[in-house]
Amino acid sequence: MSAPLRICYLLMSTELCGGVRIVFDQARFLGQLGHHVEIRAVMGTHDWYPHPLRVRYLPQLDAPFATGEFPDAVIATF
């Protein structure tokens, strides 16, 4: 396998719904393949999801990479 990718999903909310569940499952499976995956969201809770995930909550999503550390892929879904 080539070098692992740094992947970031952007969500408005992490509350339980079908679309969020799909994002969480994709993030988990990509992580199992060795990629570094993070989910960034504005609101919600992810305690309903039974698997560990890296979720960071931000006050807004318009500048989620202010530190200058950019992922290889960003997936924004609303």
N, C-alpha and C. Protein backbone atom coordinates (compact mmCIF):
# COMPACT_ATOMS: atom_id res chain seq x y z
N MET A 1 0.85 -1.19 0.00
CA MET A 1 0.00 0.00 0.00
C MET A 1 0.89 1.24 0.00
N SER A 2 0.46 2.25 -0.69
CA SER A 2 1.19 3.51 -0.70
C SER A 2 1.02 4.22 0.65
N ALA A 3 1.62 5.38 0.76
CA ALA A 3 1.57 6.13 2.02
C ALA A 3 0.12 6.42 2.41
N PRO A 4 -0.18 6.36 3.70
CA PRO A 4 -1.55 6.65 4.13
C PRO A 4 -1.95 8.10 3.84
N LEU A 5 -3.20 8.28 3.51
CA LEU A 5 -3.74 9.61 3.24
C LEU A 5 -4.23 10.26 4.53
N ARG A 6 -4.20 11.58 4.57
CA ARG A 6 -4.83 12.35 5.64
C ARG A 6 -6.15 12.85 5.08
N ILE A 7 -7.25 12.36 5.65
CA ILE A 7 -8.59 12.63 5.14
C ILE A 7 -9.40 13.33 6.21
N CYS A 8 -10.15 14.35 5.81
CA CYS A 8 -10.99 15.08 6.75
C CYS A 8 -12.41 15.19 6.19
N TYR A 9 -13.37 14.78 7.00
CA TYR A 9 -14.79 14.97 6.69
C TYR A 9 -15.27 16.22 7.42
N LEU A 10 -16.07 17.05 6.75
CA LEU A 10 -16.67 18.22 7.36
C LEU A 10 -18.18 18.01 7.46
N LEU A 11 -18.71 18.15 8.66
CA LEU A 11 -20.15 18.00 8.90
C LEU A 11 -20.67 19.18 9.70
N MET A 12 -21.89 19.57 9.44
CA MET A 12 -22.51 20.60 10.27
C MET A 12 -22.86 20.01 11.64
N SER A 13 -23.38 18.78 11.65
CA SER A 13 -23.80 18.16 12.90
C SER A 13 -23.43 16.68 12.89
N THR A 14 -23.18 16.15 14.07
CA THR A 14 -22.90 14.72 14.22
C THR A 14 -24.06 13.99 14.88
N GLU A 15 -25.23 14.62 14.93
CA GLU A 15 -26.39 13.94 15.49
C GLU A 15 -26.74 12.73 14.63
N LEU A 16 -27.34 11.74 15.24
CA LEU A 16 -27.68 10.50 14.56
C LEU A 16 -28.66 10.74 13.42
N CYS A 17 -28.22 10.39 12.22
CA CYS A 17 -29.08 10.34 11.04
C CYS A 17 -28.35 9.48 10.02
N GLY A 18 -29.05 9.07 8.98
CA GLY A 18 -28.46 8.15 8.01
C GLY A 18 -27.19 8.65 7.36
N GLY A 19 -27.17 9.92 6.96
CA GLY A 19 -25.99 10.47 6.30
C GLY A 19 -24.78 10.53 7.21
N VAL A 20 -24.99 10.87 8.45
CA VAL A 20 -23.88 10.94 9.40
C VAL A 20 -23.37 9.53 9.70
N ARG A 21 -24.25 8.58 9.81
CA ARG A 21 -23.84 7.19 10.04
C ARG A 21 -22.95 6.71 8.90
N ILE A 22 -23.29 7.06 7.67
CA ILE A 22 -22.48 6.67 6.52
C ILE A 22 -21.09 7.30 6.60
N VAL A 23 -21.02 8.59 6.93
CA VAL A 23 -19.73 9.27 7.09
C VAL A 23 -18.90 8.58 8.16
N PHE A 24 -19.51 8.28 9.30
CA PHE A 24 -18.79 7.63 10.38
C PHE A 24 -18.27 6.26 9.96
N ASP A 25 -19.11 5.49 9.27
CA ASP A 25 -18.68 4.16 8.82
C ASP A 25 -17.54 4.27 7.81
N GLN A 26 -17.65 5.21 6.87
CA GLN A 26 -16.57 5.40 5.90
C GLN A 26 -15.28 5.79 6.60
N ALA A 27 -15.37 6.71 7.55
CA ALA A 27 -14.18 7.15 8.29
C ALA A 27 -13.55 5.98 9.05
N ARG A 28 -14.37 5.17 9.66
CA ARG A 28 -13.85 4.02 10.40
C ARG A 28 -13.16 3.02 9.47
N PHE A 29 -13.78 2.72 8.35
CA PHE A 29 -13.19 1.76 7.41
C PHE A 29 -11.90 2.30 6.79
N LEU A 30 -11.87 3.58 6.45
CA LEU A 30 -10.64 4.17 5.92
C LEU A 30 -9.53 4.13 6.97
N GLY A 31 -9.88 4.37 8.23
CA GLY A 31 -8.91 4.26 9.31
C GLY A 31 -8.38 2.85 9.45
N GLN A 32 -9.23 1.86 9.27
CA GLN A 32 -8.81 0.47 9.35
C GLN A 32 -7.84 0.11 8.22
N LEU A 33 -7.92 0.85 7.11
CA LEU A 33 -6.99 0.65 6.00
C LEU A 33 -5.66 1.36 6.22
N GLY A 34 -5.55 2.09 7.33
CA GLY A 34 -4.29 2.76 7.66
C GLY A 34 -4.25 4.24 7.39
N HIS A 35 -5.35 4.81 6.92
CA HIS A 35 -5.38 6.25 6.65
C HIS A 35 -5.67 7.02 7.94
N HIS A 36 -5.21 8.26 8.01
CA HIS A 36 -5.47 9.13 9.15
C HIS A 36 -6.75 9.92 8.81
N VAL A 37 -7.82 9.63 9.54
CA VAL A 37 -9.13 10.23 9.23
C VAL A 37 -9.62 11.02 10.44
N GLU A 38 -10.07 12.24 10.16
CA GLU A 38 -10.66 13.09 11.20
C GLU A 38 -11.99 13.63 10.69
N ILE A 39 -12.93 13.76 11.60
CA ILE A 39 -14.22 14.38 11.29
C ILE A 39 -14.28 15.70 12.04
N ARG A 40 -14.62 16.75 11.34
CA ARG A 40 -14.79 18.06 11.98
C ARG A 40 -16.23 18.48 11.83
N ALA A 41 -16.80 18.96 12.93
CA ALA A 41 -18.23 19.32 12.93
C ALA A 41 -18.45 20.55 13.79
N VAL A 42 -19.59 21.20 13.57
CA VAL A 42 -19.96 22.40 14.33
C VAL A 42 -20.72 22.03 15.59
N MET A 43 -21.61 21.06 15.49
CA MET A 43 -22.45 20.74 16.65
C MET A 43 -22.80 19.26 16.66
N GLY A 44 -23.41 18.86 17.74
CA GLY A 44 -23.89 17.50 17.86
C GLY A 44 -23.12 16.71 18.90
N THR A 45 -23.37 15.44 18.88
CA THR A 45 -22.68 14.51 19.76
C THR A 45 -22.52 13.21 19.00
N HIS A 46 -21.44 12.54 19.22
CA HIS A 46 -21.21 11.27 18.53
C HIS A 46 -21.16 10.10 19.50
N ASP A 47 -21.70 10.29 20.69
CA ASP A 47 -21.67 9.21 21.69
C ASP A 47 -22.59 8.05 21.31
N TRP A 48 -23.44 8.21 20.33
CA TRP A 48 -24.32 7.14 19.87
C TRP A 48 -23.57 6.13 19.00
N TYR A 49 -22.42 6.53 18.46
CA TYR A 49 -21.67 5.65 17.55
C TYR A 49 -20.83 4.67 18.37
N PRO A 50 -20.95 3.37 18.10
CA PRO A 50 -20.33 2.38 18.97
C PRO A 50 -18.82 2.17 18.78
N HIS A 51 -18.21 2.86 17.81
CA HIS A 51 -16.78 2.66 17.53
C HIS A 51 -16.02 3.96 17.78
N PRO A 52 -14.76 3.87 18.15
CA PRO A 52 -13.98 5.10 18.39
C PRO A 52 -13.72 5.84 17.07
N LEU A 53 -13.85 7.15 17.14
CA LEU A 53 -13.60 8.03 16.00
C LEU A 53 -12.86 9.27 16.47
N ARG A 54 -12.16 9.89 15.56
CA ARG A 54 -11.52 11.17 15.86
C ARG A 54 -12.45 12.27 15.35
N VAL A 55 -13.14 12.94 16.30
CA VAL A 55 -14.08 14.01 15.95
C VAL A 55 -13.63 15.28 16.66
N ARG A 56 -13.52 16.36 15.92
CA ARG A 56 -13.17 17.66 16.49
C ARG A 56 -14.32 18.62 16.22
N TYR A 57 -14.79 19.29 17.28
CA TYR A 57 -15.89 20.25 17.14
C TYR A 57 -15.31 21.66 17.07
N LEU A 58 -15.77 22.41 16.08
CA LEU A 58 -15.31 23.77 15.83
C LEU A 58 -16.50 24.72 15.85
N PRO A 59 -16.29 26.01 16.16
CA PRO A 59 -17.41 26.95 16.17
C PRO A 59 -17.97 27.22 14.77
N GLN A 60 -17.17 27.02 13.72
CA GLN A 60 -17.63 27.22 12.35
C GLN A 60 -16.71 26.44 11.41
N LEU A 61 -17.20 26.16 10.22
CA LEU A 61 -16.42 25.35 9.28
C LEU A 61 -15.79 26.16 8.15
N ASP A 62 -15.88 27.47 8.18
CA ASP A 62 -15.37 28.24 7.05
C ASP A 62 -13.84 28.29 7.01
N ALA A 63 -13.17 28.00 8.09
CA ALA A 63 -11.70 27.97 8.10
C ALA A 63 -11.22 26.84 9.00
N PRO A 64 -11.53 25.59 8.65
CA PRO A 64 -11.20 24.48 9.55
C PRO A 64 -9.71 24.13 9.59
N PHE A 65 -8.90 24.71 8.74
CA PHE A 65 -7.48 24.37 8.72
C PHE A 65 -6.62 25.60 8.96
N ALA A 66 -6.99 26.37 9.96
CA ALA A 66 -6.29 27.62 10.27
C ALA A 66 -4.85 27.38 10.70
N THR A 67 -4.54 26.20 11.19
CA THR A 67 -3.17 25.92 11.65
C THR A 67 -2.22 25.74 10.48
N GLY A 68 -2.74 25.64 9.27
CA GLY A 68 -1.89 25.46 8.10
C GLY A 68 -1.62 24.01 7.78
N GLU A 69 -2.14 23.10 8.55
CA GLU A 69 -1.97 21.68 8.29
C GLU A 69 -3.16 21.20 7.44
N PHE A 70 -2.90 20.94 6.18
CA PHE A 70 -3.97 20.60 5.26
C PHE A 70 -3.99 19.09 5.00
N PRO A 71 -5.19 18.50 4.97
CA PRO A 71 -5.29 17.08 4.64
C PRO A 71 -5.09 16.86 3.14
N ASP A 72 -4.93 15.61 2.77
CA ASP A 72 -4.83 15.25 1.36
C ASP A 72 -6.20 15.30 0.67
N ALA A 73 -7.25 15.01 1.43
CA ALA A 73 -8.60 15.02 0.88
C ALA A 73 -9.57 15.59 1.92
N VAL A 74 -10.48 16.43 1.45
CA VAL A 74 -11.53 16.99 2.31
C VAL A 74 -12.87 16.61 1.68
N ILE A 75 -13.75 16.05 2.50
CA ILE A 75 -15.08 15.65 2.04
C ILE A 75 -16.09 16.43 2.85
N ALA A 76 -16.77 17.35 2.21
CA ALA A 76 -17.78 18.18 2.89
C ALA A 76 -19.16 17.72 2.46
N THR A 77 -20.00 17.43 3.42
CA THR A 77 -21.35 16.98 3.11
C THR A 77 -22.34 17.67 4.02
N PHE A 78 -23.40 18.20 3.44
CA PHE A 78 -24.40 18.92 4.22
C PHE A 78 -25.78 18.52 3.76
